[in-house]
Amino acid sequence: MTNAHECFNVNGDERKSHHPDHVKKNLITRLNKIEGQIRGIKGMIDKDVYCDDIITQLSATQSALNSVAKVLFEGHLKGCVKDRLADGDEVILDELVVTIQKLMKK
């Protein structure tokens, strides 16, 4: 596989991506850590931990989520977007604008 990430259609409609195993493993590891952080935050709330300490943990968790988004976005640009543009599919540019707008809301 030459791309870090490939996108393709299944049955003509469903869009899928294929990440190399090392990228998937990295993303799953990051998401598992985030899941643990969320459980920890829930426990902090249950134990009436000082609000500022909870906010600090929320900020760290948001940063971790942003890191996952950056990895996915980079793969999307270098894989799906690049490939679809090479195939002459400029509709991907409209999709990309919407995706960037979603990321900028954070």
N, C-alpha and C. Protein backbone atom coordinates (compact mmCIF):
# COMPACT_ATOMS: atom_id res chain seq x y z
N MET A 1 0.85 -1.17 0.00
CA MET A 1 0.00 0.00 0.00
C MET A 1 0.90 1.24 0.00
N THR A 2 0.67 2.13 -0.92
CA THR A 2 1.50 3.32 -1.02
C THR A 2 1.00 4.46 -0.17
N ASN A 3 -0.30 4.54 0.03
CA ASN A 3 -0.86 5.62 0.84
C ASN A 3 -0.90 5.22 2.30
N ALA A 4 -0.86 6.21 3.17
CA ALA A 4 -0.99 5.95 4.59
C ALA A 4 -2.41 5.51 4.91
N HIS A 5 -3.31 5.74 3.99
CA HIS A 5 -4.73 5.54 4.29
C HIS A 5 -5.47 5.56 2.95
N GLU A 6 -6.31 4.58 2.76
CA GLU A 6 -7.07 4.51 1.52
C GLU A 6 -8.56 4.63 1.80
N CYS A 7 -9.28 5.26 0.90
CA CYS A 7 -10.74 5.34 1.00
C CYS A 7 -11.33 4.71 -0.25
N PHE A 8 -12.44 4.05 -0.07
CA PHE A 8 -13.08 3.43 -1.22
C PHE A 8 -14.55 3.25 -0.95
N ASN A 9 -15.30 3.02 -2.01
CA ASN A 9 -16.74 2.79 -1.89
C ASN A 9 -17.00 1.29 -1.88
N VAL A 10 -17.95 0.92 -1.04
CA VAL A 10 -18.42 -0.46 -0.99
C VAL A 10 -19.87 -0.42 -1.45
N ASN A 11 -20.23 -1.28 -2.37
CA ASN A 11 -21.60 -1.32 -2.91
C ASN A 11 -22.00 0.01 -3.54
N GLY A 12 -21.04 0.79 -3.98
CA GLY A 12 -21.34 2.03 -4.67
C GLY A 12 -21.70 3.21 -3.79
N ASP A 13 -22.11 3.00 -2.55
CA ASP A 13 -22.59 4.10 -1.72
C ASP A 13 -21.79 4.29 -0.43
N GLU A 14 -21.54 3.21 0.25
CA GLU A 14 -20.93 3.28 1.58
C GLU A 14 -19.44 3.64 1.46
N ARG A 15 -19.07 4.71 2.15
CA ARG A 15 -17.67 5.12 2.12
C ARG A 15 -16.95 4.45 3.27
N LYS A 16 -15.77 3.96 3.00
CA LYS A 16 -14.94 3.29 4.00
C LYS A 16 -13.52 3.80 3.85
N SER A 17 -12.78 3.66 4.92
CA SER A 17 -11.36 3.94 4.83
C SER A 17 -10.61 2.73 5.35
N HIS A 18 -9.40 2.60 4.93
CA HIS A 18 -8.55 1.52 5.40
C HIS A 18 -7.27 2.13 5.91
N HIS A 19 -7.05 1.99 7.20
CA HIS A 19 -5.83 2.51 7.81
C HIS A 19 -4.85 1.36 7.96
N PRO A 20 -3.58 1.61 7.75
CA PRO A 20 -2.59 0.56 8.03
C PRO A 20 -2.71 0.12 9.49
N ASP A 21 -2.32 -1.11 9.76
CA ASP A 21 -2.46 -1.66 11.11
C ASP A 21 -1.79 -0.80 12.17
N HIS A 22 -0.61 -0.25 11.87
CA HIS A 22 0.09 0.55 12.88
C HIS A 22 -0.67 1.84 13.21
N VAL A 23 -1.37 2.40 12.23
CA VAL A 23 -2.17 3.61 12.46
C VAL A 23 -3.40 3.26 13.29
N LYS A 24 -4.06 2.15 12.93
CA LYS A 24 -5.22 1.71 13.71
C LYS A 24 -4.83 1.46 15.16
N LYS A 25 -3.72 0.78 15.35
CA LYS A 25 -3.27 0.46 16.71
C LYS A 25 -3.02 1.75 17.49
N ASN A 26 -2.37 2.72 16.86
CA ASN A 26 -2.11 4.01 17.49
C ASN A 26 -3.41 4.70 17.87
N LEU A 27 -4.37 4.73 16.96
CA LEU A 27 -5.65 5.40 17.22
C LEU A 27 -6.42 4.70 18.35
N ILE A 28 -6.44 3.37 18.32
CA ILE A 28 -7.14 2.61 19.36
C ILE A 28 -6.48 2.83 20.71
N THR A 29 -5.15 2.86 20.75
CA THR A 29 -4.44 3.12 22.00
C THR A 29 -4.81 4.49 22.56
N ARG A 30 -4.81 5.49 21.69
CA ARG A 30 -5.18 6.84 22.11
C ARG A 30 -6.61 6.91 22.62
N LEU A 31 -7.52 6.25 21.89
CA LEU A 31 -8.94 6.27 22.29
C LEU A 31 -9.17 5.50 23.59
N ASN A 32 -8.43 4.42 23.80
CA ASN A 32 -8.54 3.70 25.07
C ASN A 32 -8.09 4.58 26.23
N LYS A 33 -7.03 5.35 26.01
CA LYS A 33 -6.56 6.27 27.05
C LYS A 33 -7.63 7.33 27.34
N ILE A 34 -8.23 7.86 26.28
CA ILE A 34 -9.28 8.86 26.44
C ILE A 34 -10.47 8.27 27.19
N GLU A 35 -10.82 7.05 26.86
CA GLU A 35 -11.91 6.37 27.54
C GLU A 35 -11.61 6.28 29.05
N GLY A 36 -10.38 5.95 29.38
CA GLY A 36 -9.97 5.90 30.78
C GLY A 36 -10.04 7.27 31.44
N GLN A 37 -9.64 8.30 30.70
CA GLN A 37 -9.73 9.66 31.23
C GLN A 37 -11.18 10.04 31.54
N ILE A 38 -12.08 9.67 30.66
CA ILE A 38 -13.50 9.98 30.86
C ILE A 38 -14.02 9.25 32.10
N ARG A 39 -13.67 7.99 32.24
CA ARG A 39 -14.08 7.25 33.45
C ARG A 39 -13.52 7.93 34.70
N GLY A 40 -12.27 8.39 34.62
CA GLY A 40 -11.67 9.09 35.75
C GLY A 40 -12.40 10.38 36.09
N ILE A 41 -12.79 11.12 35.05
CA ILE A 41 -13.54 12.37 35.27
C ILE A 41 -14.88 12.08 35.93
N LYS A 42 -15.56 11.02 35.46
CA LYS A 42 -16.83 10.64 36.08
C LYS A 42 -16.63 10.32 37.56
N GLY A 43 -15.55 9.62 37.86
CA GLY A 43 -15.24 9.30 39.25
C GLY A 43 -14.95 10.55 40.07
N MET A 44 -14.27 11.51 39.47
CA MET A 44 -13.97 12.77 40.16
C MET A 44 -15.26 13.50 40.51
N ILE A 45 -16.19 13.51 39.57
CA ILE A 45 -17.47 14.18 39.82
C ILE A 45 -18.21 13.46 40.93
N ASP A 46 -18.21 12.12 40.88
CA ASP A 46 -18.89 11.33 41.90
C ASP A 46 -18.29 11.58 43.29
N LYS A 47 -16.99 11.85 43.34
CA LYS A 47 -16.30 12.07 44.62
C LYS A 47 -16.25 13.55 45.01
N ASP A 48 -16.96 14.38 44.27
CA ASP A 48 -17.02 15.82 44.57
C ASP A 48 -15.63 16.46 44.58
N VAL A 49 -14.79 16.07 43.64
CA VAL A 49 -13.46 16.67 43.50
C VAL A 49 -13.62 18.14 43.10
N TYR A 50 -12.70 18.95 43.53
CA TYR A 50 -12.70 20.39 43.25
C TYR A 50 -12.87 20.64 41.75
N CYS A 51 -13.77 21.54 41.41
CA CYS A 51 -14.16 21.80 40.01
C CYS A 51 -12.96 22.11 39.11
N ASP A 52 -12.03 22.92 39.59
CA ASP A 52 -10.90 23.30 38.77
C ASP A 52 -10.05 22.08 38.39
N ASP A 53 -9.94 21.12 39.30
CA ASP A 53 -9.20 19.89 38.99
C ASP A 53 -9.91 19.08 37.91
N ILE A 54 -11.23 19.06 37.96
CA ILE A 54 -12.00 18.35 36.94
C ILE A 54 -11.85 19.05 35.59
N ILE A 55 -11.91 20.36 35.62
CA ILE A 55 -11.76 21.13 34.37
C ILE A 55 -10.39 20.88 33.75
N THR A 56 -9.36 20.77 34.58
CA THR A 56 -8.02 20.47 34.09
C THR A 56 -8.01 19.12 33.37
N GLN A 57 -8.67 18.13 33.95
CA GLN A 57 -8.74 16.81 33.32
C GLN A 57 -9.57 16.84 32.04
N LEU A 58 -10.64 17.62 32.04
CA LEU A 58 -11.44 17.77 30.82
C LEU A 58 -10.60 18.39 29.70
N SER A 59 -9.80 19.38 30.05
CA SER A 59 -8.94 20.03 29.06
C SER A 59 -7.92 19.04 28.48
N ALA A 60 -7.34 18.22 29.34
CA ALA A 60 -6.38 17.22 28.88
C ALA A 60 -7.05 16.20 27.96
N THR A 61 -8.29 15.83 28.31
CA THR A 61 -9.03 14.88 27.49
C THR A 61 -9.39 15.48 26.13
N GLN A 62 -9.78 16.75 26.12
CA GLN A 62 -10.09 17.41 24.85
C GLN A 62 -8.85 17.49 23.97
N SER A 63 -7.71 17.77 24.59
CA SER A 63 -6.46 17.82 23.84
C SER A 63 -6.14 16.46 23.22
N ALA A 64 -6.39 15.40 23.98
CA ALA A 64 -6.16 14.04 23.46
C ALA A 64 -7.10 13.74 22.30
N LEU A 65 -8.36 14.16 22.40
CA LEU A 65 -9.30 13.98 21.29
C LEU A 65 -8.86 14.76 20.06
N ASN A 66 -8.37 15.98 20.28
CA ASN A 66 -7.87 16.78 19.16
C ASN A 66 -6.69 16.10 18.47
N SER A 67 -5.85 15.43 19.24
CA SER A 67 -4.71 14.71 18.66
C SER A 67 -5.19 13.57 17.77
N VAL A 68 -6.22 12.86 18.20
CA VAL A 68 -6.79 11.79 17.37
C VAL A 68 -7.34 12.38 16.08
N ALA A 69 -8.05 13.49 16.20
CA ALA A 69 -8.62 14.15 15.02
C ALA A 69 -7.52 14.56 14.05
N LYS A 70 -6.41 15.05 14.56
CA LYS A 70 -5.30 15.47 13.69
C LYS A 70 -4.72 14.29 12.92
N VAL A 71 -4.56 13.15 13.59
CA VAL A 71 -4.05 11.96 12.92
C VAL A 71 -5.00 11.52 11.82
N LEU A 72 -6.30 11.49 12.13
CA LEU A 72 -7.29 11.09 11.13
C LEU A 72 -7.36 12.08 9.97
N PHE A 73 -7.30 13.36 10.30
CA PHE A 73 -7.37 14.39 9.26
C PHE A 73 -6.17 14.31 8.32
N GLU A 74 -4.99 14.11 8.88
CA GLU A 74 -3.79 13.99 8.04
C GLU A 74 -3.92 12.80 7.09
N GLY A 75 -4.38 11.66 7.62
CA GLY A 75 -4.58 10.49 6.78
C GLY A 75 -5.64 10.74 5.71
N HIS A 76 -6.67 11.47 6.08
CA HIS A 76 -7.73 11.78 5.12
C HIS A 76 -7.19 12.64 3.98
N LEU A 77 -6.41 13.64 4.32
CA LEU A 77 -5.82 14.51 3.29
C LEU A 77 -4.87 13.74 2.37
N LYS A 78 -3.98 12.97 2.98
CA LYS A 78 -2.96 12.27 2.20
C LYS A 78 -3.49 11.05 1.47
N GLY A 79 -4.66 10.57 1.89
CA GLY A 79 -5.25 9.40 1.26
C GLY A 79 -6.46 9.75 0.44
N CYS A 80 -7.60 9.85 1.11
CA CYS A 80 -8.89 10.05 0.43
C CYS A 80 -8.90 11.29 -0.45
N VAL A 81 -8.54 12.43 0.12
CA VAL A 81 -8.63 13.69 -0.62
C VAL A 81 -7.69 13.66 -1.82
N LYS A 82 -6.46 13.27 -1.60
CA LYS A 82 -5.47 13.20 -2.68
C LYS A 82 -5.95 12.27 -3.80
N ASP A 83 -6.42 11.08 -3.42
CA ASP A 83 -6.85 10.09 -4.41
C ASP A 83 -8.08 10.56 -5.19
N ARG A 84 -9.04 11.14 -4.48
CA ARG A 84 -10.26 11.59 -5.17
C ARG A 84 -9.97 12.76 -6.09
N LEU A 85 -9.08 13.66 -5.69
CA LEU A 85 -8.70 14.76 -6.59
C LEU A 85 -7.98 14.21 -7.82
N ALA A 86 -7.11 13.23 -7.60
CA ALA A 86 -6.39 12.63 -8.73
C ALA A 86 -7.37 11.95 -9.70
N ASP A 87 -8.50 11.47 -9.18
CA ASP A 87 -9.52 10.85 -10.03
C ASP A 87 -10.46 11.88 -10.63
N GLY A 88 -10.21 13.18 -10.36
CA GLY A 88 -11.03 14.24 -10.93
C GLY A 88 -12.28 14.54 -10.13
N ASP A 89 -12.41 13.98 -8.94
CA ASP A 89 -13.59 14.18 -8.11
C ASP A 89 -13.39 15.40 -7.22
N GLU A 90 -13.86 16.55 -7.70
CA GLU A 90 -13.67 17.79 -6.95
C GLU A 90 -14.74 18.00 -5.88
N VAL A 91 -15.74 17.13 -5.80
CA VAL A 91 -16.74 17.20 -4.75
C VAL A 91 -16.08 17.06 -3.38
N ILE A 92 -14.96 16.36 -3.35
CA ILE A 92 -14.21 16.18 -2.10
C ILE A 92 -13.82 17.52 -1.49
N LEU A 93 -13.65 18.54 -2.31
CA LEU A 93 -13.27 19.86 -1.78
C LEU A 93 -14.38 20.45 -0.93
N ASP A 94 -15.63 20.28 -1.35
CA ASP A 94 -16.76 20.75 -0.54
C ASP A 94 -16.81 20.00 0.79
N GLU A 95 -16.61 18.70 0.72
CA GLU A 95 -16.58 17.89 1.94
C GLU A 95 -15.45 18.33 2.86
N LEU A 96 -14.32 18.63 2.28
CA LEU A 96 -13.15 19.06 3.04
C LEU A 96 -13.41 20.38 3.76
N VAL A 97 -14.07 21.31 3.10
CA VAL A 97 -14.42 22.59 3.72
C VAL A 97 -15.29 22.36 4.95
N VAL A 98 -16.28 21.48 4.83
CA VAL A 98 -17.17 21.18 5.96
C VAL A 98 -16.37 20.54 7.10
N THR A 99 -15.47 19.64 6.75
CA THR A 99 -14.65 18.98 7.77
C THR A 99 -13.77 19.99 8.50
N ILE A 100 -13.17 20.89 7.78
CA ILE A 100 -12.33 21.92 8.41
C ILE A 100 -13.16 22.82 9.31
N GLN A 101 -14.37 23.15 8.87
CA GLN A 101 -15.25 23.97 9.71
C GLN A 101 -15.59 23.24 11.01
N LYS A 102 -15.82 21.94 10.94
CA LYS A 102 -16.10 21.16 12.14
C LYS A 102 -14.90 21.19 13.08
N LEU A 103 -13.72 21.05 12.54
CA LEU A 103 -12.50 21.06 13.37
C LEU A 103 -12.25 22.42 13.99
N MET A 104 -12.62 23.48 13.30
CA MET A 104 -12.37 24.83 13.79
C MET A 104 -13.35 25.23 14.89
N LYS A 105 -14.44 24.51 15.06
CA LYS A 105 -15.40 24.81 16.13
C LYS A 105 -14.82 24.52 17.50
N LYS A 106 -13.78 23.72 17.53
CA LYS A 106 -13.24 23.28 18.83
C LYS A 106 -12.45 24.36 19.49
